[in-house]
PDB file of N, CA and C in Angstrom:
ATOM      1  N   UNK A   1     100.723  85.865  53.545  1.00  0.00           N
ATOM      2  CA  UNK A   1     101.764  85.125  54.212  1.00  0.00           C
ATOM      3  C   UNK A   1     101.629  85.314  55.725  1.00  0.00           C
ATOM      4  N   UNK A   2     101.661  84.211  56.458  1.00  0.00           N
ATOM      5  CA  UNK A   2     101.565  84.281  57.916  1.00  0.00           C
ATOM      6  C   UNK A   2     102.919  84.633  58.510  1.00  0.00           C
ATOM      7  N   UNK A   3     102.864  85.377  59.611  1.00  0.00           N
ATOM      8  CA  UNK A   3     104.090  85.706  60.326  1.00  0.00           C
ATOM      9  C   UNK A   3     104.465  84.546  61.234  1.00  0.00           C
ATOM     10  N   UNK A   4     105.743  84.286  61.334  1.00  0.00           N
ATOM     11  CA  UNK A   4     106.215  83.246  62.254  1.00  0.00           C
ATOM     12  C   UNK A   4     106.178  83.795  63.671  1.00  0.00           C
ATOM     13  N   UNK A   5     105.698  82.988  64.576  1.00  0.00           N
ATOM     14  CA  UNK A   5     105.656  83.378  65.982  1.00  0.00           C
ATOM     15  C   UNK A   5     106.816  82.694  66.688  1.00  0.00           C
ATOM     16  N   UNK A   6     107.650  83.485  67.311  1.00  0.00           N
ATOM     17  CA  UNK A   6     108.791  82.939  68.038  1.00  0.00           C
ATOM     18  C   UNK A   6     108.518  83.090  69.521  1.00  0.00           C
ATOM     19  N   UNK A   7     108.530  81.975  70.210  1.00  0.00           N
ATOM     20  CA  UNK A   7     108.294  81.983  71.644  1.00  0.00           C
ATOM     21  C   UNK A   7     109.552  81.467  72.320  1.00  0.00           C
ATOM     22  N   UNK A   8     110.089  82.263  73.212  1.00  0.00           N
ATOM     23  CA  UNK A   8     111.275  81.850  73.952  1.00  0.00           C
ATOM     24  C   UNK A   8     110.835  80.974  75.112  1.00  0.00           C
ATOM     25  N   UNK A   9     111.434  79.807  75.221  1.00  0.00           N
ATOM     26  CA  UNK A   9     111.182  78.909  76.336  1.00  0.00           C
ATOM     27  C   UNK A   9     112.494  78.698  77.072  1.00  0.00           C
ATOM     28  N   UNK A  10     112.391  78.509  78.360  1.00  0.00           N
ATOM     29  CA  UNK A  10     113.572  78.288  79.184  1.00  0.00           C
ATOM     30  C   UNK A  10     113.827  76.797  79.314  1.00  0.00           C
ATOM     31  N   UNK A  11     114.990  76.377  78.865  1.00  0.00           N
ATOM     32  CA  UNK A  11     115.381  74.977  79.036  1.00  0.00           C
ATOM     33  C   UNK A  11     116.317  74.895  80.237  1.00  0.00           C
ATOM     34  N   UNK A  12     116.365  73.727  80.836  1.00  0.00           N
ATOM     35  CA  UNK A  12     117.223  73.550  82.012  1.00  0.00           C
ATOM     36  C   UNK A  12     118.675  73.889  81.677  1.00  0.00           C
ATOM     37  N   UNK A  13     119.106  73.501  80.492  1.00  0.00           N
ATOM     38  CA  UNK A  13     120.470  73.790  80.040  1.00  0.00           C
ATOM     39  C   UNK A  13     120.725  75.301  80.002  1.00  0.00           C
ATOM     40  N   UNK A  14     119.747  76.064  79.522  1.00  0.00           N
ATOM     41  CA  UNK A  14     119.888  77.525  79.456  1.00  0.00           C
ATOM     42  C   UNK A  14     119.967  78.135  80.852  1.00  0.00           C
ATOM     43  N   UNK A  15     119.140  77.624  81.752  1.00  0.00           N
ATOM     44  CA  UNK A  15     119.146  78.125  83.126  1.00  0.00           C
ATOM     45  C   UNK A  15     120.488  77.829  83.790  1.00  0.00           C
ATOM     46  N   UNK A  16     120.989  76.618  83.620  1.00  0.00           N
ATOM     47  CA  UNK A  16     122.287  76.247  84.198  1.00  0.00           C
ATOM     48  C   UNK A  16     123.400  77.141  83.648  1.00  0.00           C
ATOM     49  N   UNK A  17     123.374  77.396  82.357  1.00  0.00           N
ATOM     50  CA  UNK A  17     124.384  78.251  81.726  1.00  0.00           C
ATOM     51  C   UNK A  17     124.309  79.677  82.280  1.00  0.00           C
ATOM     52  N   UNK A  18     123.092  80.192  82.426  1.00  0.00           N
ATOM     53  CA  UNK A  18     122.881  81.535  82.973  1.00  0.00           C
ATOM     54  C   UNK A  18     123.439  81.623  84.393  1.00  0.00           C
ATOM     55  N   UNK A  19     123.084  80.655  85.224  1.00  0.00           N
ATOM     56  CA  UNK A  19     123.529  80.659  86.619  1.00  0.00           C
ATOM     57  C   UNK A  19     125.049  80.508  86.714  1.00  0.00           C
ATOM     58  N   UNK A  20     125.606  79.605  85.926  1.00  0.00           N
ATOM     59  CA  UNK A  20     127.051  79.374  85.942  1.00  0.00           C
ATOM     60  C   UNK A  20     127.811  80.629  85.528  1.00  0.00           C
ATOM     61  N   UNK A  21     127.348  81.293  84.484  1.00  0.00           N
ATOM     62  CA  UNK A  21     128.054  82.475  83.973  1.00  0.00           C
ATOM     63  C   UNK A  21     128.030  83.633  84.966  1.00  0.00           C
ATOM     64  N   UNK A  22     127.061  83.617  85.864  1.00  0.00           N
ATOM     65  CA  UNK A  22     126.961  84.674  86.871  1.00  0.00           C
ATOM     66  C   UNK A  22     127.411  84.207  88.253  1.00  0.00           C
ATOM     67  N   UNK A  23     127.886  82.966  88.308  1.00  0.00           N
ATOM     68  CA  UNK A  23     128.361  82.371  89.567  1.00  0.00           C
ATOM     69  C   UNK A  23     127.299  82.439  90.652  1.00  0.00           C
ATOM     70  N   UNK A  24     126.106  82.023  90.279  1.00  0.00           N
ATOM     71  CA  UNK A  24     124.951  82.052  91.178  1.00  0.00           C
ATOM     72  C   UNK A  24     124.514  80.624  91.454  1.00  0.00           C
ATOM     73  N   UNK A  25     124.182  80.362  92.701  1.00  0.00           N
ATOM     74  CA  UNK A  25     123.557  79.082  93.036  1.00  0.00           C
ATOM     75  C   UNK A  25     122.177  79.378  93.605  1.00  0.00           C
ATOM     76  N   UNK A  26     121.224  78.553  93.230  1.00  0.00           N
ATOM     77  CA  UNK A  26     119.865  78.707  93.741  1.00  0.00           C
ATOM     78  C   UNK A  26     119.380  77.344  94.211  1.00  0.00           C
ATOM     79  N   UNK A  27     118.342  77.362  95.006  1.00  0.00           N
ATOM     80  CA  UNK A  27     117.790  76.109  95.516  1.00  0.00           C
ATOM     81  C   UNK A  27     117.139  75.324  94.380  1.00  0.00           C
ATOM     82  N   UNK A  28     117.044  74.036  94.586  1.00  0.00           N
ATOM     83  CA  UNK A  28     116.371  73.188  93.598  1.00  0.00           C
ATOM     84  C   UNK A  28     114.904  73.583  93.455  1.00  0.00           C
ATOM     85  N   UNK A  29     114.299  74.030  94.568  1.00  0.00           N
ATOM     86  CA  UNK A  29     112.895  74.457  94.518  1.00  0.00           C
ATOM     87  C   UNK A  29     112.715  75.672  93.611  1.00  0.00           C
ATOM     88  N   UNK A  30     113.598  76.649  93.739  1.00  0.00           N
ATOM     89  CA  UNK A  30     113.501  77.846  92.896  1.00  0.00           C
ATOM     90  C   UNK A  30     113.787  77.493  91.439  1.00  0.00           C
ATOM     91  N   UNK A  31     114.756  76.629  91.229  1.00  0.00           N
ATOM     92  CA  UNK A  31     115.073  76.191  89.868  1.00  0.00           C
ATOM     93  C   UNK A  31     113.848  75.527  89.232  1.00  0.00           C
ATOM     94  N   UNK A  32     113.203  74.652  89.978  1.00  0.00           N
ATOM     95  CA  UNK A  32     112.019  73.968  89.458  1.00  0.00           C
ATOM     96  C   UNK A  32     110.874  74.948  89.221  1.00  0.00           C
ATOM     97  N   UNK A  33     110.728  75.911  90.113  1.00  0.00           N
ATOM     98  CA  UNK A  33     109.686  76.933  89.958  1.00  0.00           C
ATOM     99  C   UNK A  33     109.897  77.723  88.665  1.00  0.00           C
ATOM    100  N   UNK A  34     111.127  78.125  88.399  1.00  0.00           N
ATOM    101  CA  UNK A  34     111.432  78.872  87.175  1.00  0.00           C
ATOM    102  C   UNK A  34     111.184  78.030  85.933  1.00  0.00           C
ATOM    103  N   UNK A  35     111.595  76.775  85.982  1.00  0.00           N
ATOM    104  CA  UNK A  35     111.370  75.898  84.834  1.00  0.00           C
ATOM    105  C   UNK A  35     109.883  75.657  84.613  1.00  0.00           C
ATOM    106  N   UNK A  36     109.128  75.477  85.685  1.00  0.00           N
ATOM    107  CA  UNK A  36     107.683  75.279  85.546  1.00  0.00           C
ATOM    108  C   UNK A  36     107.019  76.485  84.894  1.00  0.00           C
ATOM    109  N   UNK A  37     107.505  77.664  85.238  1.00  0.00           N
ATOM    110  CA  UNK A  37     106.912  78.896  84.718  1.00  0.00           C
ATOM    111  C   UNK A  37     107.271  79.153  83.252  1.00  0.00           C
ATOM    112  N   UNK A  38     108.511  78.879  82.869  1.00  0.00           N
ATOM    113  CA  UNK A  38     108.996  79.317  81.558  1.00  0.00           C
ATOM    114  C   UNK A  38     109.428  78.196  80.617  1.00  0.00           C
ATOM    115  N   UNK A  39     109.251  76.934  81.021  1.00  0.00           N
ATOM    116  CA  UNK A  39     109.723  75.820  80.196  1.00  0.00           C
ATOM    117  C   UNK A  39     108.732  75.424  79.103  1.00  0.00           C
ATOM    118  N   UNK A  40     107.459  75.689  79.317  1.00  0.00           N
ATOM    119  CA  UNK A  40     106.441  75.297  78.341  1.00  0.00           C
ATOM    120  C   UNK A  40     105.532  76.479  78.021  1.00  0.00           C
ATOM    121  N   UNK A  41     104.974  76.515  76.813  1.00  0.00           N
ATOM    122  CA  UNK A  41     104.031  77.587  76.471  1.00  0.00           C
ATOM    123  C   UNK A  41     102.785  77.508  77.359  1.00  0.00           C
ATOM    124  N   UNK A  42     102.255  78.664  77.720  1.00  0.00           N
ATOM    125  CA  UNK A  42     101.078  78.723  78.589  1.00  0.00           C
ATOM    126  C   UNK A  42      99.996  79.547  77.905  1.00  0.00           C
ATOM    127  N   UNK A  43      98.782  79.022  77.905  1.00  0.00           N
ATOM    128  CA  UNK A  43      97.639  79.766  77.359  1.00  0.00           C
ATOM    129  C   UNK A  43      96.947  80.526  78.474  1.00  0.00           C
ATOM    130  N   UNK A  44      96.511  81.754  78.167  1.00  0.00           N
ATOM    131  CA  UNK A  44      95.721  82.491  79.143  1.00  0.00           C
ATOM    132  C   UNK A  44      94.255  82.089  79.004  1.00  0.00           C
ATOM    133  N   UNK A  45      93.381  82.729  79.767  1.00  0.00           N
ATOM    134  CA  UNK A  45      91.958  82.376  79.772  1.00  0.00           C
ATOM    135  C   UNK A  45      91.281  82.595  78.424  1.00  0.00           C
ATOM    136  N   UNK A  46      91.841  83.473  77.603  1.00  0.00           N
ATOM    137  CA  UNK A  46      91.243  83.780  76.308  1.00  0.00           C
ATOM    138  C   UNK A  46      91.846  82.950  75.173  1.00  0.00           C
ATOM    139  N   UNK A  47      92.725  82.010  75.509  1.00  0.00           N
ATOM    140  CA  UNK A  47      93.311  81.142  74.500  1.00  0.00           C
ATOM    141  C   UNK A  47      94.560  81.680  73.829  1.00  0.00           C
ATOM    142  N   UNK A  48      95.072  82.811  74.308  1.00  0.00           N
ATOM    143  CA  UNK A  48      96.298  83.374  73.752  1.00  0.00           C
ATOM    144  C   UNK A  48      97.504  82.752  74.449  1.00  0.00           C
ATOM    145  N   UNK A  49      98.521  82.453  73.684  1.00  0.00           N
ATOM    146  CA  UNK A  49      99.752  81.912  74.258  1.00  0.00           C
ATOM    147  C   UNK A  49     100.614  83.069  74.739  1.00  0.00           C
ATOM    148  N   UNK A  50     101.072  82.964  75.993  1.00  0.00           N
ATOM    149  CA  UNK A  50     101.968  83.986  76.525  1.00  0.00           C
ATOM    150  C   UNK A  50     103.291  83.902  75.783  1.00  0.00           C
ATOM    151  N   UNK A  51     103.749  85.038  75.318  1.00  0.00           N
ATOM    152  CA  UNK A  51     105.009  85.093  74.586  1.00  0.00           C
ATOM    153  C   UNK A  51     106.041  85.832  75.426  1.00  0.00           C
ATOM    154  N   UNK A  52     107.214  85.230  75.565  1.00  0.00           N
ATOM    155  CA  UNK A  52     108.300  85.841  76.316  1.00  0.00           C
ATOM    156  C   UNK A  52     109.503  86.005  75.403  1.00  0.00           C
ATOM    157  N   UNK A  53     110.187  87.118  75.544  1.00  0.00           N
ATOM    158  CA  UNK A  53     111.464  87.278  74.863  1.00  0.00           C
ATOM    159  C   UNK A  53     112.546  86.727  75.784  1.00  0.00           C
ATOM    160  N   UNK A  54     113.719  86.539  75.244  1.00  0.00           N
ATOM    161  CA  UNK A  54     114.840  86.082  76.064  1.00  0.00           C
ATOM    162  C   UNK A  54     115.087  87.067  77.201  1.00  0.00           C
ATOM    163  N   UNK A  55     114.989  88.353  76.898  1.00  0.00           N
ATOM    164  CA  UNK A  55     115.191  89.382  77.912  1.00  0.00           C
ATOM    165  C   UNK A  55     114.135  89.273  79.009  1.00  0.00           C
ATOM    166  N   UNK A  56     112.876  89.027  78.647  1.00  0.00           N
ATOM    167  CA  UNK A  56     111.805  88.866  79.635  1.00  0.00           C
ATOM    168  C   UNK A  56     112.133  87.743  80.612  1.00  0.00           C
ATOM    169  N   UNK A  57     112.542  86.614  80.063  1.00  0.00           N
ATOM    170  CA  UNK A  57     112.811  85.447  80.904  1.00  0.00           C
ATOM    171  C   UNK A  57     113.986  85.708  81.835  1.00  0.00           C
ATOM    172  N   UNK A  58     115.075  86.237  81.317  1.00  0.00           N
ATOM    173  CA  UNK A  58     116.237  86.462  82.167  1.00  0.00           C
ATOM    174  C   UNK A  58     115.982  87.554  83.196  1.00  0.00           C
ATOM    175  N   UNK A  59     115.170  88.522  82.869  1.00  0.00           N
ATOM    176  CA  UNK A  59     114.800  89.551  83.847  1.00  0.00           C
ATOM    177  C   UNK A  59     113.961  88.934  84.967  1.00  0.00           C
ATOM    178  N   UNK A  60     113.051  88.040  84.626  1.00  0.00           N
ATOM    179  CA  UNK A  60     112.236  87.374  85.645  1.00  0.00           C
ATOM    180  C   UNK A  60     113.089  86.455  86.518  1.00  0.00           C
ATOM    181  N   UNK A  61     114.071  85.797  85.930  1.00  0.00           N
ATOM    182  CA  UNK A  61     114.995  84.978  86.723  1.00  0.00           C
ATOM    183  C   UNK A  61     115.730  85.869  87.717  1.00  0.00           C
ATOM    184  N   UNK A  62     116.251  86.981  87.230  1.00  0.00           N
ATOM    185  CA  UNK A  62     116.985  87.912  88.091  1.00  0.00           C
ATOM    186  C   UNK A  62     116.123  88.391  89.250  1.00  0.00           C
ATOM    187  N   UNK A  63     114.877  88.755  88.961  1.00  0.00           N
ATOM    188  CA  UNK A  63     113.966  89.223  90.006  1.00  0.00           C
ATOM    189  C   UNK A  63     113.638  88.116  91.001  1.00  0.00           C
ATOM    190  N   UNK A  64     113.432  86.911  90.510  1.00  0.00           N
ATOM    191  CA  UNK A  64     113.121  85.787  91.399  1.00  0.00           C
ATOM    192  C   UNK A  64     114.278  85.506  92.343  1.00  0.00           C
ATOM    193  N   UNK A  65     115.487  85.543  91.821  1.00  0.00           N
ATOM    194  CA  UNK A  65     116.669  85.314  92.655  1.00  0.00           C
ATOM    195  C   UNK A  65     116.804  86.428  93.680  1.00  0.00           C
ATOM    196  N   UNK A  66     116.605  87.654  93.257  1.00  0.00           N
ATOM    197  CA  UNK A  66     116.695  88.792  94.170  1.00  0.00           C
ATOM    198  C   UNK A  66     115.667  88.680  95.290  1.00  0.00           C
ATOM    199  N   UNK A  67     114.438  88.316  94.948  1.00  0.00           N
ATOM    200  CA  UNK A  67     113.368  88.226  95.941  1.00  0.00           C
ATOM    201  C   UNK A  67     113.567  87.075  96.921  1.00  0.00           C
ATOM    202  N   UNK A  68     114.218  86.008  96.479  1.00  0.00           N
ATOM    203  CA  UNK A  68     114.425  84.836  97.338  1.00  0.00           C
ATOM    204  C   UNK A  68     115.681  84.959  98.188  1.00  0.00           C
ATOM    205  N   UNK A  69     116.521  85.944  97.896  1.00  0.00           N
ATOM    206  CA  UNK A  69     117.782  86.099  98.646  1.00  0.00           C
ATOM    207  C   UNK A  69     117.569  86.859  99.925  1.00  0.00           C
TER     208      UNK A  69
END
């Protein structure tokens, strides 16, 4: 039996909900950058798909906001 692979992707709706719940506003450029990075699965050079957990994605959002502030 094959194991199911669950890959967390960031949807615009999820990002908006995250930002709203924390009362954070970010530039459209940063929003687009985050969506470009986490909205679609990405293969590395060896053909492996990068897998992110929900925690990974939200931690990266937090760091990106911190670095841009």
